[in-house]
C-alpha atoms as a PDB file:
ATOM      1  CA  GLY A   1      22.391  16.439  -5.985  1.00  0.00           C
ATOM      2  CA  ARG A   2      22.083  16.768  -9.706  1.00  0.00           C
ATOM      3  CA  LEU A   3      18.713  18.529  -9.610  1.00  0.00           C
ATOM      4  CA  ARG A   4      20.045  21.201  -7.271  1.00  0.00           C
ATOM      5  CA  VAL A   5      23.048  21.836  -9.527  1.00  0.00           C
ATOM      6  CA  LEU A   6      20.802  22.130 -12.588  1.00  0.00           C
ATOM      7  CA  ALA A   7      18.324  24.407 -10.799  1.00  0.00           C
ATOM      8  CA  ASP A   8      21.123  26.686  -9.589  1.00  0.00           C
ATOM      9  CA  LYS A   9      22.642  26.781 -13.068  1.00  0.00           C
ATOM     10  CA  LEU A  10      19.304  27.595 -14.681  1.00  0.00           C
ATOM     11  CA  TYR A  11      18.566  30.260 -12.075  1.00  0.00           C
ATOM     12  CA  ALA A  12      21.923  31.909 -12.745  1.00  0.00           C
ATOM     13  CA  MET A  13      21.366  31.745 -16.507  1.00  0.00           C
ATOM     14  CA  VAL A  14      17.894  33.294 -16.526  1.00  0.00           C
ATOM     15  CA  GLY A  15      19.036  36.012 -14.142  1.00  0.00           C
ATOM     16  CA  LYS A  16      21.205  37.459 -16.894  1.00  0.00           C
ATOM     17  CA  PRO A  17      19.845  39.356 -19.877  1.00  0.00           C
ATOM     18  CA  LEU A  18      19.377  37.153 -22.921  1.00  0.00           C
ATOM     19  CA  SER A  19      22.260  38.002 -25.238  1.00  0.00           C
ATOM     20  CA  SER A  20      22.238  35.315 -27.912  1.00  0.00           C
ATOM     21  CA  GLU A  21      20.385  32.462 -29.514  1.00  0.00           C
ATOM     22  CA  GLN A  22      23.051  30.137 -28.120  1.00  0.00           C
ATOM     23  CA  GLN A  23      22.312  31.285 -24.556  1.00  0.00           C
ATOM     24  CA  SER A  24      18.622  30.620 -25.151  1.00  0.00           C
ATOM     25  CA  ARG A  25      19.376  27.085 -26.390  1.00  0.00           C
ATOM     26  CA  GLN A  26      21.609  26.467 -23.345  1.00  0.00           C
ATOM     27  CA  GLU A  27      18.808  27.546 -21.000  1.00  0.00           C
ATOM     28  CA  ILE A  28      16.371  25.231 -22.754  1.00  0.00           C
ATOM     29  CA  GLU A  29      18.858  22.364 -22.573  1.00  0.00           C
ATOM     30  CA  VAL A  30      19.448  22.856 -18.830  1.00  0.00           C
ATOM     31  CA  ALA A  31      15.671  23.078 -18.262  1.00  0.00           C
ATOM     32  CA  LYS A  32      15.192  19.804 -20.189  1.00  0.00           C
ATOM     33  CA  GLN A  33      17.901  18.105 -18.118  1.00  0.00           C
ATOM     34  CA  ALA A  34      16.225  19.295 -14.900  1.00  0.00           C
ATOM     35  CA  ALA A  35      12.856  17.993 -16.120  1.00  0.00           C
ATOM     36  CA  GLN A  36      14.384  14.621 -17.016  1.00  0.00           C
ATOM     37  CA  THR A  37      15.992  14.423 -13.576  1.00  0.00           C
ATOM     38  CA  LEU A  38      12.620  15.135 -11.950  1.00  0.00           C
ATOM     39  CA  ASP A  39      11.004  12.456 -14.094  1.00  0.00           C
ATOM     40  CA  VAL A  40      13.589   9.879 -13.012  1.00  0.00           C
ATOM     41  CA  MET A  41      13.115  10.874  -9.376  1.00  0.00           C
ATOM     42  CA  TRP A  42       9.311  10.551  -9.708  1.00  0.00           C
ATOM     43  CA  HIS A  43       9.570   7.067 -11.200  1.00  0.00           C
ATOM     44  CA  ASN A  44      12.045   6.022  -8.502  1.00  0.00           C
ATOM     45  CA  LEU A  45       9.666   7.259  -5.810  1.00  0.00           C
ATOM     46  CA  GLN A  46       6.793   5.300  -7.337  1.00  0.00           C
ATOM     47  CA  PHE A  47       8.918   2.165  -7.525  1.00  0.00           C
ATOM     48  CA  GLY A  48       9.995   2.690  -3.914  1.00  0.00           C
ATOM     49  CA  LEU A  49       6.397   3.051  -2.742  1.00  0.00           C
ATOM     50  CA  VAL A  50       5.312  -0.126  -4.496  1.00  0.00           C
ATOM     51  CA  ARG A  51       8.332  -1.936  -3.078  1.00  0.00           C
ATOM     52  CA  GLN A  52       7.480  -0.661   0.419  1.00  0.00           C
ATOM     53  CA  VAL A  53       3.913  -1.972   0.086  1.00  0.00           C
ATOM     54  CA  ALA A  54       5.238  -5.366  -0.985  1.00  0.00           C
ATOM     55  CA  ASP A  55       7.627  -5.389   1.985  1.00  0.00           C
ATOM     56  CA  TYR A  56       4.826  -4.520   4.422  1.00  0.00           C
ATOM     57  CA  PHE A  57       2.593  -7.267   3.041  1.00  0.00           C
ATOM     58  CA  THR A  58       5.467  -9.727   3.353  1.00  0.00           C
ATOM     59  CA  ASP A  59       6.097  -8.499   6.908  1.00  0.00           C
ATOM     60  CA  LEU A  60       2.481  -9.346   7.829  1.00  0.00           C
ATOM     61  CA  VAL A  61       3.343 -13.066   7.800  1.00  0.00           C
ATOM     62  CA  GLY A  62       5.151 -12.864  11.150  1.00  0.00           C
ATOM     63  CA  PRO A  63       2.373 -11.015  13.018  1.00  0.00           C
ATOM     64  CA  ILE A  64      -0.256 -13.376  11.545  1.00  0.00           C
ATOM     65  CA  LYS A  65       1.766 -16.372  12.726  1.00  0.00           C
ATOM     66  CA  HIS A  66       2.157 -14.891  16.222  1.00  0.00           C
ATOM     67  CA  LEU A  67      -1.566 -14.183  16.372  1.00  0.00           C
ATOM     68  CA  GLN A  68      -2.374 -17.771  15.375  1.00  0.00           C
ATOM     69  CA  GLU A  69       0.076 -19.110  17.977  1.00  0.00           C
ATOM     70  CA  ALA A  70      -1.428 -16.901  20.697  1.00  0.00           C
ATOM     71  CA  MET A  71      -4.923 -18.201  19.885  1.00  0.00           C
ATOM     72  CA  ALA A  72      -3.778 -21.842  19.747  1.00  0.00           C
ATOM     73  CA  THR A  73      -2.835 -22.109  23.431  1.00  0.00           C
ATOM     74  CA  ASP A  74      -5.255 -23.734  25.827  1.00  0.00           C
ATOM     75  CA  PRO A  75      -6.247 -21.749  27.766  1.00  0.00           C
ATOM     76  CA  VAL A  76      -5.638 -18.636  25.654  1.00  0.00           C
ATOM     77  CA  ASP A  77      -3.146 -16.257  27.270  1.00  0.00           C
ATOM     78  CA  GLU A  78      -5.069 -12.976  27.065  1.00  0.00           C
ATOM     79  CA  ASN A  79      -1.932 -10.837  27.382  1.00  0.00           C
ATOM     80  CA  ALA A  80      -0.095 -12.713  24.629  1.00  0.00           C
ATOM     81  CA  TYR A  81      -3.205 -12.606  22.446  1.00  0.00           C
ATOM     82  CA  GLN A  82      -3.670  -8.849  22.972  1.00  0.00           C
ATOM     83  CA  LEU A  83      -0.004  -8.160  22.189  1.00  0.00           C
ATOM     84  CA  ALA A  84      -0.179 -10.281  19.026  1.00  0.00           C
ATOM     85  CA  ALA A  85      -3.456  -8.643  17.955  1.00  0.00           C
ATOM     86  CA  ASP A  86      -2.090  -5.145  18.545  1.00  0.00           C
ATOM     87  CA  THR A  87       1.080  -5.951  16.596  1.00  0.00           C
ATOM     88  CA  PHE A  88      -0.915  -7.376  13.694  1.00  0.00           C
ATOM     89  CA  LEU A  89      -3.209  -4.329  13.681  1.00  0.00           C
ATOM     90  CA  ASP A  90      -0.202  -1.972  13.680  1.00  0.00           C
ATOM     91  CA  TYR A  91       1.397  -3.783  10.729  1.00  0.00           C
ATOM     92  CA  SER A  92      -1.935  -3.869   8.866  1.00  0.00           C
ATOM     93  CA  ARG A  93      -2.493  -0.150   9.321  1.00  0.00           C
ATOM     94  CA  ARG A  94       1.036   0.642   8.173  1.00  0.00           C
ATOM     95  CA  ALA A  95       0.597  -1.519   5.073  1.00  0.00           C
ATOM     96  CA  LYS A  96      -2.779   0.091   4.351  1.00  0.00           C
ATOM     97  CA  ARG A  97      -1.425   3.648   4.671  1.00  0.00           C
ATOM     98  CA  THR A  98       1.520   2.874   2.420  1.00  0.00           C
ATOM     99  CA  ALA A  99      -0.677   1.091  -0.136  1.00  0.00           C
ATOM    100  CA  ASN A 100      -3.063   4.065  -0.231  1.00  0.00           C
ATOM    101  CA  LEU A 101      -0.173   6.501  -0.629  1.00  0.00           C
ATOM    102  CA  ALA A 102       1.290   4.457  -3.459  1.00  0.00           C
ATOM    103  CA  ALA A 103      -2.095   3.907  -5.135  1.00  0.00           C
ATOM    104  CA  ASN A 104      -2.875   7.618  -5.134  1.00  0.00           C
ATOM    105  CA  ASN A 105       0.494   8.556  -6.634  1.00  0.00           C
ATOM    106  CA  LEU A 106       1.004   5.984  -9.360  1.00  0.00           C
ATOM    107  CA  LEU A 107       0.809   7.068 -12.976  1.00  0.00           C
ATOM    108  CA  ASP A 108      -0.327   3.584 -13.977  1.00  0.00           C
ATOM    109  CA  PRO A 109      -4.043   3.446 -13.059  1.00  0.00           C
ATOM    110  CA  CYS A 110      -4.173  -0.368 -13.199  1.00  0.00           C
ATOM    111  CA  ARG A 111      -1.451  -0.724 -10.583  1.00  0.00           C
ATOM    112  CA  GLY A 112      -3.033   2.030  -8.532  1.00  0.00           C
ATOM    113  CA  ASP A 113      -6.392   0.255  -8.575  1.00  0.00           C
ATOM    114  CA  ALA A 114      -4.754  -3.035  -7.566  1.00  0.00           C
ATOM    115  CA  LEU A 115      -2.959  -1.400  -4.636  1.00  0.00           C
ATOM    116  CA  GLN A 116      -6.175   0.369  -3.620  1.00  0.00           C
ATOM    117  CA  ALA A 117      -7.994  -2.990  -3.578  1.00  0.00           C
ATOM    118  CA  LEU A 118      -5.239  -4.480  -1.401  1.00  0.00           C
ATOM    119  CA  ALA A 119      -5.485  -1.544   0.986  1.00  0.00           C
ATOM    120  CA  LEU A 120      -9.260  -1.906   1.266  1.00  0.00           C
ATOM    121  CA  ASN A 121      -8.900  -5.625   2.026  1.00  0.00           C
ATOM    122  CA  LEU A 122      -6.702  -4.817   5.003  1.00  0.00           C
ATOM    123  CA  GLU A 123      -9.611  -3.073   6.697  1.00  0.00           C
ATOM    124  CA  SER A 124     -11.604  -6.273   6.870  1.00  0.00           C
END
């Protein structure tokens, strides 16, 4: 994408001997554009991680409901209960891993702390 084009352009530019002040300014401008592109990508990744955590927490509703339904039968169907418990545990672990990943990579420490607290609550 754009970052690759800018990196290739910058690489080609710095591979040549510096011949003018204008060339130097062009190199700096391309480097700034590459840095801005990286910054946008980093913020998009952070947003995506937070969104993924929110999706996983929302997705926990179904496994919780299935677990409650499996426990509500009389007598309890052990196979259905075990399947529901395993599914809930799998979803919980996935949400916890994603929340930890997001929390450790956010620039905003308040959001990171909040996600870390959510992840720790999934253990219990």
